[in-house]
Amino acid sequence: MKYNISFQERAKLSIAILSKQPVVTLKEAKEQAQWLNSTSKTNNKKERV
């Protein structure tokens, strides 16, 4: 991996990667957030002793 990369080069690479990903609608994002919230095991709050 190339470590000494400029901010502009990194931004161009991230834009290229994001453009290849499928578009997500607001409805799909909300459904995914609800699913993650319901299946998350870290959602249980610990009691302080």
N, C-alpha and C. Protein backbone atom coordinates (compact mmCIF):
# COMPACT_ATOMS: atom_id res chain seq x y z
N MET A 1 0.84 -1.18 0.00
CA MET A 1 0.00 0.00 0.00
C MET A 1 0.88 1.24 0.00
N LYS A 2 0.46 2.23 -0.73
CA LYS A 2 1.21 3.49 -0.85
C LYS A 2 0.85 4.40 0.33
N TYR A 3 1.82 4.66 1.21
CA TYR A 3 1.53 5.43 2.41
C TYR A 3 1.70 6.93 2.23
N ASN A 4 2.64 7.36 1.42
CA ASN A 4 2.83 8.79 1.23
C ASN A 4 2.00 9.25 0.02
N ILE A 5 0.71 9.43 0.26
CA ILE A 5 -0.24 9.85 -0.76
C ILE A 5 -0.84 11.19 -0.31
N SER A 6 -1.02 12.09 -1.24
CA SER A 6 -1.54 13.41 -0.87
C SER A 6 -3.04 13.34 -0.59
N PHE A 7 -3.52 14.36 0.07
CA PHE A 7 -4.94 14.42 0.40
C PHE A 7 -5.79 14.44 -0.87
N GLN A 8 -5.33 15.16 -1.88
CA GLN A 8 -6.09 15.24 -3.14
C GLN A 8 -6.15 13.89 -3.84
N GLU A 9 -5.04 13.17 -3.83
CA GLU A 9 -5.03 11.84 -4.44
C GLU A 9 -5.95 10.88 -3.68
N ARG A 10 -5.93 10.99 -2.36
CA ARG A 10 -6.79 10.15 -1.54
C ARG A 10 -8.27 10.47 -1.81
N ALA A 11 -8.59 11.74 -1.99
CA ALA A 11 -9.96 12.15 -2.27
C ALA A 11 -10.42 11.61 -3.63
N LYS A 12 -9.54 11.66 -4.62
CA LYS A 12 -9.88 11.14 -5.95
C LYS A 12 -10.13 9.64 -5.89
N LEU A 13 -9.29 8.93 -5.15
CA LEU A 13 -9.47 7.48 -5.01
C LEU A 13 -10.79 7.14 -4.31
N SER A 14 -11.12 7.88 -3.27
CA SER A 14 -12.36 7.60 -2.54
C SER A 14 -13.59 7.91 -3.40
N ILE A 15 -13.52 8.96 -4.21
CA ILE A 15 -14.63 9.28 -5.10
C ILE A 15 -14.82 8.16 -6.12
N ALA A 16 -13.71 7.63 -6.65
CA ALA A 16 -13.79 6.54 -7.62
C ALA A 16 -14.40 5.29 -6.98
N ILE A 17 -14.01 4.99 -5.74
CA ILE A 17 -14.55 3.81 -5.05
C ILE A 17 -16.03 4.00 -4.76
N LEU A 18 -16.41 5.18 -4.29
CA LEU A 18 -17.82 5.44 -3.97
C LEU A 18 -18.70 5.43 -5.22
N SER A 19 -18.17 5.83 -6.36
CA SER A 19 -18.98 5.86 -7.58
C SER A 19 -19.30 4.45 -8.07
N LYS A 20 -18.51 3.47 -7.67
CA LYS A 20 -18.76 2.09 -8.07
C LYS A 20 -19.80 1.40 -7.19
N GLN A 21 -20.10 1.96 -6.03
CA GLN A 21 -21.05 1.34 -5.12
C GLN A 21 -22.48 1.62 -5.57
N PRO A 22 -23.42 0.69 -5.32
CA PRO A 22 -24.81 0.93 -5.70
C PRO A 22 -25.43 2.05 -4.86
N VAL A 23 -26.40 2.73 -5.43
CA VAL A 23 -27.08 3.83 -4.76
C VAL A 23 -28.00 3.27 -3.67
N VAL A 24 -28.00 3.92 -2.51
CA VAL A 24 -28.85 3.50 -1.39
C VAL A 24 -29.88 4.59 -1.15
N THR A 25 -31.15 4.19 -1.13
CA THR A 25 -32.21 5.17 -0.88
C THR A 25 -32.34 5.41 0.62
N LEU A 26 -33.05 6.48 0.97
CA LEU A 26 -33.26 6.80 2.37
C LEU A 26 -34.04 5.69 3.06
N LYS A 27 -35.01 5.12 2.36
CA LYS A 27 -35.81 4.03 2.93
C LYS A 27 -34.93 2.82 3.25
N GLU A 28 -34.05 2.47 2.32
CA GLU A 28 -33.15 1.33 2.54
C GLU A 28 -32.20 1.60 3.70
N ALA A 29 -31.72 2.82 3.81
CA ALA A 29 -30.81 3.17 4.90
C ALA A 29 -31.52 3.08 6.24
N LYS A 30 -32.77 3.54 6.31
CA LYS A 30 -33.53 3.45 7.55
C LYS A 30 -33.79 2.00 7.93
N GLU A 31 -34.13 1.17 6.94
CA GLU A 31 -34.36 -0.25 7.21
C GLU A 31 -33.09 -0.92 7.73
N GLN A 32 -31.96 -0.58 7.14
CA GLN A 32 -30.70 -1.16 7.58
C GLN A 32 -30.37 -0.71 9.00
N ALA A 33 -30.61 0.55 9.32
CA ALA A 33 -30.34 1.06 10.66
C ALA A 33 -31.23 0.38 11.68
N GLN A 34 -32.50 0.16 11.34
CA GLN A 34 -33.41 -0.52 12.25
C GLN A 34 -32.98 -1.97 12.46
N TRP A 35 -32.56 -2.63 11.39
CA TRP A 35 -32.12 -4.02 11.51
C TRP A 35 -30.87 -4.11 12.38
N LEU A 36 -29.91 -3.20 12.16
CA LEU A 36 -28.70 -3.20 12.97
C LEU A 36 -29.01 -2.92 14.43
N ASN A 37 -29.94 -2.03 14.68
CA ASN A 37 -30.33 -1.69 16.04
C ASN A 37 -30.98 -2.88 16.74
N SER A 38 -31.80 -3.62 16.01
CA SER A 38 -32.50 -4.75 16.63
C SER A 38 -31.59 -5.96 16.82
N THR A 39 -30.58 -6.12 15.97
CA THR A 39 -29.71 -7.30 16.08
C THR A 39 -28.41 -7.03 16.81
N SER A 40 -28.17 -5.81 17.19
CA SER A 40 -26.92 -5.46 17.85
C SER A 40 -26.87 -6.05 19.25
N LYS A 41 -25.76 -6.70 19.57
CA LYS A 41 -25.60 -7.28 20.89
C LYS A 41 -25.06 -6.25 21.88
N THR A 42 -24.46 -5.19 21.37
CA THR A 42 -23.91 -4.16 22.25
C THR A 42 -24.98 -3.14 22.65
N ASN A 43 -26.21 -3.41 22.26
CA ASN A 43 -27.29 -2.49 22.56
C ASN A 43 -27.69 -2.58 24.04
N ASN A 44 -27.30 -3.67 24.71
CA ASN A 44 -27.65 -3.84 26.12
C ASN A 44 -26.75 -2.96 26.98
N LYS A 45 -27.35 -2.07 27.73
CA LYS A 45 -26.58 -1.16 28.56
C LYS A 45 -26.16 -1.89 29.84
N LYS A 46 -24.94 -1.65 30.26
CA LYS A 46 -24.43 -2.27 31.47
C LYS A 46 -24.73 -1.38 32.65
N GLU A 47 -25.05 -2.00 33.76
CA GLU A 47 -25.32 -1.23 34.98
C GLU A 47 -24.01 -0.92 35.68
N ARG A 48 -23.93 0.26 36.23
CA ARG A 48 -22.74 0.63 36.99
C ARG A 48 -22.85 0.06 38.39
N VAL A 49 -21.74 -0.42 38.89
CA VAL A 49 -21.73 -1.04 40.21
C VAL A 49 -21.28 -0.04 41.24
